[in-house]
Each structure stands twice: as C-alpha cells, then as structure tokens.
Amino acid sequence: MTKKEWYKDRILWKANQFKSVLETRSKGEERDNFLDKLHKEYMDSDDEILFLFSENNKTSWTAITTDKVISYHNNSVYQLKLDSIEKLIEIKKDGISDNNLKHDANFLLIGYEKLPIWTPNAKTLFALMNVLRMFPLKKNL
C-alpha cells in the first residue's frame, strides 16, 4: 500500500464518522470541470481529491486530497501538505464569541504557518478539524 493509499484509507475512515457533514458539495459536469482545473493547477498526477467544499459561485472552496489541503478564498490560494499540519489546528475566532463558535466559525488555521482554511459552515469546520488532527500519521509498519 502506498502512502497516498494509506492516507486515503485513514481519511475516509475518520470522515465516515461525520458522513452527513463531509459530503462533496458540487455535482455534475460543473464539478468535473472544476476538479480537472484543480488537478492541473494544484495537484500531482497521483493525488486524488477526497473532499471538495465550495460556494456556488466558487469564490471560496477547499479541497482535501491524498497529499494536502488546498483552500481558496479572498482571491488567494493556501496549500499545506498533510504531513506539515503537525496536529496544529485552531479555529479562527476573529470577532466570534466563544459561545457562538459552534454556529458561526468557518475558518481553520493549520500548521506552523497558521494557514487559513475555509469551510462552508461551522458543522463542516468541526468535522474537518477532527479529520485533519490525525496528521501527520505515524508510519504504517
């Protein structure tokens, strides 16, 4: 089993606990065209997109692949390899009270760089945070 196959297996296993939340958001031909663009611009040929969240107008989106997290918002792309997350994940609170985080938060800050990762809603944010907290995974012996 390759590293990417093993990561895919672990991500899908963990995401299964949040199945109703972590579903690919877009459908049909528009989705296929968008996925082709992601593959060409941001991914290696052997990467696979496991989850894709986006707004209808594609002004914000996040993809989880077998190798990295890619997020686009505010006209910028943020990418981080899964192994570079180092279990460092925070919720971006900017102006959100602690009492409202579970309803209003939609950005994670990941890795040492604290890269902002967009999510469509707080429910997805917490599910994604639980999946990404696995990384880096220990080597499969």
N, C-alpha and C. Protein backbone atom coordinates (compact mmCIF):
# COMPACT_ATOMS: atom_id res chain seq x y z
N MET A 1 0.85 -1.17 0.00
CA MET A 1 0.00 0.00 0.00
C MET A 1 0.91 1.25 0.00
N THR A 2 0.63 2.16 -0.91
CA THR A 2 1.41 3.39 -0.98
C THR A 2 0.99 4.33 0.15
N LYS A 3 1.81 5.35 0.39
CA LYS A 3 1.49 6.33 1.42
C LYS A 3 0.17 7.02 1.11
N LYS A 4 -0.05 7.39 -0.14
CA LYS A 4 -1.29 8.09 -0.50
C LYS A 4 -2.51 7.18 -0.36
N GLU A 5 -2.34 5.91 -0.67
CA GLU A 5 -3.45 4.95 -0.48
C GLU A 5 -3.76 4.81 1.01
N TRP A 6 -2.71 4.75 1.82
CA TRP A 6 -2.90 4.62 3.26
C TRP A 6 -3.56 5.88 3.82
N TYR A 7 -3.13 7.06 3.38
CA TYR A 7 -3.74 8.31 3.82
C TYR A 7 -5.21 8.36 3.40
N LYS A 8 -5.50 7.95 2.18
CA LYS A 8 -6.88 7.92 1.71
C LYS A 8 -7.73 7.03 2.62
N ASP A 9 -7.21 5.86 2.93
CA ASP A 9 -7.92 4.92 3.79
C ASP A 9 -8.20 5.54 5.16
N ARG A 10 -7.21 6.17 5.76
CA ARG A 10 -7.36 6.77 7.08
C ARG A 10 -8.31 7.97 7.05
N ILE A 11 -8.20 8.82 6.04
CA ILE A 11 -9.08 9.99 5.94
C ILE A 11 -10.52 9.55 5.78
N LEU A 12 -10.77 8.59 4.89
CA LEU A 12 -12.14 8.13 4.66
C LEU A 12 -12.70 7.42 5.89
N TRP A 13 -11.83 6.67 6.58
CA TRP A 13 -12.26 6.01 7.81
C TRP A 13 -12.71 7.04 8.84
N LYS A 14 -11.89 8.07 9.06
CA LYS A 14 -12.22 9.10 10.05
C LYS A 14 -13.43 9.92 9.60
N ALA A 15 -13.47 10.26 8.32
CA ALA A 15 -14.57 11.07 7.79
C ALA A 15 -15.91 10.32 7.86
N ASN A 16 -15.87 9.02 7.85
CA ASN A 16 -17.10 8.22 7.92
C ASN A 16 -17.88 8.53 9.20
N GLN A 17 -17.17 8.97 10.24
CA GLN A 17 -17.83 9.33 11.50
C GLN A 17 -18.66 10.61 11.32
N PHE A 18 -18.37 11.36 10.27
CA PHE A 18 -19.05 12.63 10.00
C PHE A 18 -19.70 12.60 8.63
N LYS A 19 -20.17 11.44 8.23
CA LYS A 19 -20.63 11.21 6.86
C LYS A 19 -21.65 12.24 6.37
N SER A 20 -22.60 12.59 7.19
CA SER A 20 -23.63 13.53 6.73
C SER A 20 -23.08 14.94 6.53
N VAL A 21 -21.96 15.25 7.18
CA VAL A 21 -21.37 16.58 7.08
C VAL A 21 -20.35 16.65 5.95
N LEU A 22 -19.48 15.66 5.86
CA LEU A 22 -18.38 15.69 4.91
C LEU A 22 -18.76 15.01 3.59
N GLU A 23 -19.65 15.64 2.87
CA GLU A 23 -20.02 15.14 1.55
C GLU A 23 -19.57 16.16 0.52
N THR A 24 -19.15 15.67 -0.64
CA THR A 24 -18.75 16.58 -1.70
C THR A 24 -19.93 17.46 -2.05
N ARG A 25 -19.69 18.75 -2.16
CA ARG A 25 -20.77 19.72 -2.28
C ARG A 25 -21.28 19.94 -3.70
N SER A 26 -20.42 19.88 -4.70
CA SER A 26 -20.88 20.18 -6.06
C SER A 26 -21.12 18.89 -6.83
N LYS A 27 -21.92 18.99 -7.88
CA LYS A 27 -22.33 17.80 -8.63
C LYS A 27 -22.25 18.06 -10.13
N GLY A 28 -22.21 16.97 -10.91
CA GLY A 28 -22.36 17.04 -12.35
C GLY A 28 -21.16 17.55 -13.13
N GLU A 29 -21.45 18.06 -14.33
CA GLU A 29 -20.42 18.49 -15.26
C GLU A 29 -19.62 19.66 -14.71
N GLU A 30 -20.30 20.59 -14.05
CA GLU A 30 -19.61 21.73 -13.46
C GLU A 30 -18.55 21.25 -12.46
N ARG A 31 -18.91 20.26 -11.66
CA ARG A 31 -17.98 19.68 -10.68
C ARG A 31 -16.81 19.04 -11.40
N ASP A 32 -17.06 18.28 -12.45
CA ASP A 32 -15.99 17.62 -13.19
C ASP A 32 -15.01 18.62 -13.79
N ASN A 33 -15.52 19.71 -14.36
CA ASN A 33 -14.66 20.75 -14.92
C ASN A 33 -13.81 21.39 -13.83
N PHE A 34 -14.43 21.64 -12.69
CA PHE A 34 -13.71 22.24 -11.57
C PHE A 34 -12.62 21.30 -11.06
N LEU A 35 -12.93 20.01 -10.94
CA LEU A 35 -11.94 19.04 -10.49
C LEU A 35 -10.78 18.95 -11.46
N ASP A 36 -11.05 18.99 -12.75
CA ASP A 36 -9.98 18.99 -13.76
C ASP A 36 -9.05 20.18 -13.55
N LYS A 37 -9.63 21.34 -13.31
CA LYS A 37 -8.83 22.55 -13.07
C LYS A 37 -7.96 22.37 -11.83
N LEU A 38 -8.53 21.84 -10.76
CA LEU A 38 -7.76 21.62 -9.53
C LEU A 38 -6.58 20.68 -9.78
N HIS A 39 -6.84 19.59 -10.50
CA HIS A 39 -5.78 18.63 -10.80
C HIS A 39 -4.64 19.29 -11.58
N LYS A 40 -4.98 20.06 -12.59
CA LYS A 40 -3.96 20.68 -13.44
C LYS A 40 -3.15 21.74 -12.70
N GLU A 41 -3.80 22.53 -11.87
CA GLU A 41 -3.15 23.69 -11.27
C GLU A 41 -2.50 23.42 -9.91
N TYR A 42 -3.02 22.47 -9.14
CA TYR A 42 -2.57 22.37 -7.75
C TYR A 42 -2.14 20.99 -7.28
N MET A 43 -2.26 19.98 -8.12
CA MET A 43 -2.03 18.63 -7.62
C MET A 43 -1.04 17.85 -8.47
N ASP A 44 -0.39 16.87 -7.83
CA ASP A 44 0.44 15.92 -8.56
C ASP A 44 -0.48 14.93 -9.27
N SER A 45 0.05 14.28 -10.27
CA SER A 45 -0.79 13.38 -11.09
C SER A 45 -1.35 12.21 -10.29
N ASP A 46 -0.67 11.78 -9.24
CA ASP A 46 -1.17 10.63 -8.47
C ASP A 46 -1.99 11.03 -7.25
N ASP A 47 -2.26 12.34 -7.08
CA ASP A 47 -3.14 12.79 -6.00
C ASP A 47 -4.60 12.54 -6.36
N GLU A 48 -5.40 12.40 -5.34
CA GLU A 48 -6.83 12.21 -5.53
C GLU A 48 -7.58 13.15 -4.60
N ILE A 49 -8.59 13.81 -5.12
CA ILE A 49 -9.43 14.67 -4.28
C ILE A 49 -10.41 13.79 -3.52
N LEU A 50 -10.38 13.89 -2.20
CA LEU A 50 -11.27 13.10 -1.37
C LEU A 50 -12.51 13.88 -0.96
N PHE A 51 -12.33 15.19 -0.71
CA PHE A 51 -13.44 16.06 -0.35
C PHE A 51 -13.26 17.40 -1.00
N LEU A 52 -14.38 17.98 -1.42
CA LEU A 52 -14.37 19.31 -2.01
C LEU A 52 -15.58 20.07 -1.48
N PHE A 53 -15.33 21.22 -0.89
CA PHE A 53 -16.39 22.09 -0.40
C PHE A 53 -16.27 23.39 -1.16
N SER A 54 -17.40 23.93 -1.61
CA SER A 54 -17.32 25.20 -2.34
C SER A 54 -18.63 25.97 -2.21
N GLU A 55 -18.50 27.29 -2.42
CA GLU A 55 -19.68 28.12 -2.56
C GLU A 55 -20.13 27.99 -4.00
N ASN A 56 -21.39 28.24 -4.26
CA ASN A 56 -21.93 28.07 -5.61
C ASN A 56 -21.17 28.89 -6.65
N ASN A 57 -20.72 30.06 -6.29
CA ASN A 57 -20.02 30.91 -7.26
C ASN A 57 -18.51 30.68 -7.28
N LYS A 58 -18.02 29.70 -6.54
CA LYS A 58 -16.61 29.31 -6.49
C LYS A 58 -15.70 30.43 -5.98
N THR A 59 -16.23 31.38 -5.22
CA THR A 59 -15.38 32.42 -4.65
C THR A 59 -14.61 31.90 -3.45
N SER A 60 -15.07 30.81 -2.87
CA SER A 60 -14.38 30.14 -1.77
C SER A 60 -14.54 28.64 -1.95
N TRP A 61 -13.45 27.90 -1.79
CA TRP A 61 -13.52 26.44 -1.85
C TRP A 61 -12.34 25.83 -1.10
N THR A 62 -12.51 24.61 -0.68
CA THR A 62 -11.45 23.85 -0.02
C THR A 62 -11.51 22.42 -0.53
N ALA A 63 -10.33 21.89 -0.85
CA ALA A 63 -10.20 20.50 -1.29
C ALA A 63 -9.25 19.77 -0.34
N ILE A 64 -9.61 18.55 -0.01
CA ILE A 64 -8.74 17.67 0.76
C ILE A 64 -8.33 16.56 -0.19
N THR A 65 -7.03 16.43 -0.40
CA THR A 65 -6.52 15.40 -1.32
C THR A 65 -5.77 14.34 -0.51
N THR A 66 -5.23 13.38 -1.21
CA THR A 66 -4.43 12.34 -0.55
C THR A 66 -3.07 12.85 -0.12
N ASP A 67 -2.76 14.12 -0.44
CA ASP A 67 -1.45 14.68 -0.12
C ASP A 67 -1.50 16.00 0.63
N LYS A 68 -2.56 16.79 0.42
CA LYS A 68 -2.56 18.13 1.00
C LYS A 68 -3.96 18.71 1.13
N VAL A 69 -4.01 19.86 1.78
CA VAL A 69 -5.22 20.68 1.89
C VAL A 69 -5.00 21.89 0.99
N ILE A 70 -5.98 22.20 0.16
CA ILE A 70 -5.92 23.37 -0.71
C ILE A 70 -7.17 24.19 -0.45
N SER A 71 -6.99 25.47 -0.18
CA SER A 71 -8.14 26.32 0.12
C SER A 71 -8.01 27.63 -0.65
N TYR A 72 -9.11 28.06 -1.24
CA TYR A 72 -9.14 29.32 -2.00
C TYR A 72 -10.22 30.21 -1.40
N HIS A 73 -9.81 31.42 -1.04
CA HIS A 73 -10.75 32.44 -0.55
C HIS A 73 -10.04 33.78 -0.58
N ASN A 74 -10.81 34.85 -0.66
CA ASN A 74 -10.25 36.20 -0.72
C ASN A 74 -9.19 36.34 -1.82
N ASN A 75 -9.44 35.68 -2.95
CA ASN A 75 -8.54 35.74 -4.12
C ASN A 75 -7.14 35.20 -3.87
N SER A 76 -6.98 34.32 -2.89
CA SER A 76 -5.68 33.71 -2.61
C SER A 76 -5.85 32.20 -2.43
N VAL A 77 -4.80 31.46 -2.81
CA VAL A 77 -4.78 30.01 -2.64
C VAL A 77 -3.82 29.68 -1.50
N TYR A 78 -4.26 28.81 -0.62
CA TYR A 78 -3.46 28.34 0.51
C TYR A 78 -3.34 26.83 0.40
N GLN A 79 -2.11 26.33 0.49
CA GLN A 79 -1.87 24.90 0.37
C GLN A 79 -0.93 24.45 1.48
N LEU A 80 -1.20 23.26 2.02
CA LEU A 80 -0.31 22.69 3.01
C LEU A 80 -0.37 21.18 2.90
N LYS A 81 0.81 20.56 2.85
CA LYS A 81 0.86 19.10 2.83
C LYS A 81 0.31 18.57 4.14
N LEU A 82 -0.37 17.44 4.09
CA LEU A 82 -0.98 16.86 5.29
C LEU A 82 0.07 16.62 6.37
N ASP A 83 1.26 16.14 5.98
CA ASP A 83 2.31 15.88 6.96
C ASP A 83 2.81 17.15 7.64
N SER A 84 2.57 18.31 7.05
CA SER A 84 3.03 19.57 7.63
C SER A 84 2.03 20.18 8.60
N ILE A 85 0.88 19.56 8.75
CA ILE A 85 -0.12 20.08 9.69
C ILE A 85 0.41 19.97 11.12
N GLU A 86 1.14 18.88 11.40
CA GLU A 86 1.75 18.69 12.73
C GLU A 86 0.75 18.78 13.87
N LYS A 87 -0.49 18.37 13.60
CA LYS A 87 -1.56 18.39 14.59
C LYS A 87 -1.84 19.80 15.12
N LEU A 88 -1.35 20.82 14.41
CA LEU A 88 -1.54 22.21 14.82
C LEU A 88 -2.75 22.78 14.10
N ILE A 89 -3.88 22.81 14.78
CA ILE A 89 -5.13 23.28 14.20
C ILE A 89 -5.86 24.15 15.22
N GLU A 90 -6.24 25.32 14.79
CA GLU A 90 -7.00 26.24 15.63
C GLU A 90 -8.22 26.71 14.84
N ILE A 91 -9.18 27.22 15.57
CA ILE A 91 -10.34 27.86 14.94
C ILE A 91 -10.06 29.35 14.88
N LYS A 92 -10.24 29.94 13.73
CA LYS A 92 -10.08 31.39 13.59
C LYS A 92 -11.31 32.04 14.20
N LYS A 93 -11.08 32.83 15.25
CA LYS A 93 -12.19 33.38 16.02
C LYS A 93 -12.58 34.79 15.62
N ASP A 94 -11.79 35.50 14.90
CA ASP A 94 -11.99 36.90 14.54
C ASP A 94 -13.42 37.41 14.74
N GLY A 95 -13.66 38.03 15.89
CA GLY A 95 -14.95 38.65 16.14
C GLY A 95 -16.07 37.70 16.52
N ILE A 96 -15.77 36.44 16.72
CA ILE A 96 -16.80 35.46 17.08
C ILE A 96 -16.63 35.12 18.56
N SER A 97 -17.68 35.27 19.33
CA SER A 97 -17.59 34.93 20.75
C SER A 97 -17.47 33.42 20.92
N ASP A 98 -16.88 33.00 22.03
CA ASP A 98 -16.74 31.57 22.30
C ASP A 98 -18.09 30.85 22.28
N ASN A 99 -19.13 31.53 22.72
CA ASN A 99 -20.47 30.93 22.74
C ASN A 99 -21.02 30.69 21.34
N ASN A 100 -20.57 31.48 20.36
CA ASN A 100 -21.09 31.36 19.00
C ASN A 100 -20.19 30.58 18.06
N LEU A 101 -19.04 30.11 18.52
CA LEU A 101 -18.12 29.38 17.64
C LEU A 101 -18.78 28.19 16.96
N LYS A 102 -19.54 27.42 17.71
CA LYS A 102 -20.12 26.20 17.13
C LYS A 102 -21.19 26.50 16.07
N HIS A 103 -21.58 27.77 15.94
CA HIS A 103 -22.57 28.15 14.94
C HIS A 103 -22.00 29.01 13.82
N ASP A 104 -20.99 29.83 14.15
CA ASP A 104 -20.56 30.85 13.21
C ASP A 104 -19.16 30.68 12.62
N ALA A 105 -18.33 29.82 13.20
CA ALA A 105 -16.94 29.68 12.72
C ALA A 105 -16.90 29.00 11.36
N ASN A 106 -16.03 29.49 10.47
CA ASN A 106 -15.87 28.81 9.19
C ASN A 106 -14.43 28.88 8.65
N PHE A 107 -13.45 29.16 9.53
CA PHE A 107 -12.05 29.12 9.13
C PHE A 107 -11.23 28.36 10.16
N LEU A 108 -10.39 27.44 9.67
CA LEU A 108 -9.39 26.79 10.49
C LEU A 108 -8.05 27.44 10.20
N LEU A 109 -7.17 27.45 11.17
CA LEU A 109 -5.79 27.87 10.98
C LEU A 109 -4.94 26.62 11.20
N ILE A 110 -4.17 26.22 10.16
CA ILE A 110 -3.46 24.94 10.26
C ILE A 110 -1.96 25.10 10.09
N GLY A 111 -1.22 24.20 10.75
CA GLY A 111 0.23 24.16 10.64
C GLY A 111 0.91 25.30 11.38
N TYR A 112 2.25 25.27 11.35
CA TYR A 112 3.03 26.35 11.97
C TYR A 112 2.73 27.69 11.32
N GLU A 113 2.42 27.66 10.02
CA GLU A 113 2.14 28.89 9.28
C GLU A 113 0.77 29.48 9.59
N LYS A 114 -0.08 28.68 10.26
CA LYS A 114 -1.46 29.08 10.57
C LYS A 114 -2.20 29.52 9.30
N LEU A 115 -2.11 28.66 8.28
CA LEU A 115 -2.79 28.96 7.01
C LEU A 115 -4.29 28.91 7.20
N PRO A 116 -5.02 29.89 6.69
CA PRO A 116 -6.48 29.91 6.84
C PRO A 116 -7.15 28.96 5.84
N ILE A 117 -7.92 28.05 6.37
CA ILE A 117 -8.64 27.06 5.56
C ILE A 117 -10.13 27.32 5.71
N TRP A 118 -10.78 27.64 4.60
CA TRP A 118 -12.20 27.98 4.58
C TRP A 118 -13.06 26.72 4.65
N THR A 119 -14.18 26.82 5.36
CA THR A 119 -15.22 25.78 5.34
C THR A 119 -16.57 26.47 5.15
N PRO A 120 -17.54 25.78 4.57
CA PRO A 120 -18.82 26.44 4.29
C PRO A 120 -19.64 26.77 5.53
N ASN A 121 -19.38 26.06 6.64
CA ASN A 121 -20.16 26.31 7.86
C ASN A 121 -19.43 25.70 9.05
N ALA A 122 -19.92 26.00 10.24
CA ALA A 122 -19.27 25.53 11.46
C ALA A 122 -19.34 24.01 11.60
N LYS A 123 -20.42 23.42 11.17
CA LYS A 123 -20.56 21.97 11.27
C LYS A 123 -19.45 21.27 10.47
N THR A 124 -19.23 21.74 9.26
CA THR A 124 -18.17 21.19 8.41
C THR A 124 -16.81 21.49 9.02
N LEU A 125 -16.64 22.68 9.58
CA LEU A 125 -15.37 23.06 10.21
C LEU A 125 -14.99 22.05 11.29
N PHE A 126 -15.90 21.72 12.18
CA PHE A 126 -15.57 20.81 13.27
C PHE A 126 -15.32 19.39 12.78
N ALA A 127 -16.06 18.95 11.78
CA ALA A 127 -15.81 17.63 11.20
C ALA A 127 -14.43 17.59 10.53
N LEU A 128 -14.12 18.61 9.74
CA LEU A 128 -12.83 18.66 9.05
C LEU A 128 -11.69 18.77 10.06
N MET A 129 -11.87 19.53 11.10
CA MET A 129 -10.85 19.67 12.13
C MET A 129 -10.52 18.30 12.74
N ASN A 130 -11.53 17.50 12.99
CA ASN A 130 -11.29 16.16 13.54
C ASN A 130 -10.55 15.26 12.58
N VAL A 131 -10.81 15.38 11.30
CA VAL A 131 -10.09 14.59 10.30
C VAL A 131 -8.63 15.04 10.22
N LEU A 132 -8.41 16.34 10.12
CA LEU A 132 -7.06 16.86 9.94
C LEU A 132 -6.18 16.71 11.17
N ARG A 133 -6.77 16.56 12.32
CA ARG A 133 -5.98 16.38 13.56
C ARG A 133 -5.20 15.08 13.56
N MET A 134 -5.48 14.19 12.65
CA MET A 134 -4.74 12.93 12.57
C MET A 134 -3.32 13.13 12.05
N PHE A 135 -3.05 14.26 11.41
CA PHE A 135 -1.79 14.41 10.67
C PHE A 135 -0.74 15.16 11.45
N PRO A 136 0.50 14.69 11.29
CA PRO A 136 0.95 13.61 10.42
C PRO A 136 0.63 12.25 11.04
N LEU A 137 0.37 11.29 10.20
CA LEU A 137 0.13 9.92 10.67
C LEU A 137 1.46 9.24 10.94
N LYS A 138 1.44 8.36 11.92
CA LYS A 138 2.65 7.56 12.14
C LYS A 138 2.83 6.61 10.98
N LYS A 139 4.06 6.22 10.76
CA LYS A 139 4.34 5.33 9.63
C LYS A 139 3.63 4.00 9.83
N ASN A 140 3.09 3.49 8.75
CA ASN A 140 2.41 2.21 8.77
C ASN A 140 3.45 1.11 8.78
N LEU A 141 3.57 0.41 9.88
CA LEU A 141 4.60 -0.63 9.99
C LEU A 141 4.06 -1.99 9.64
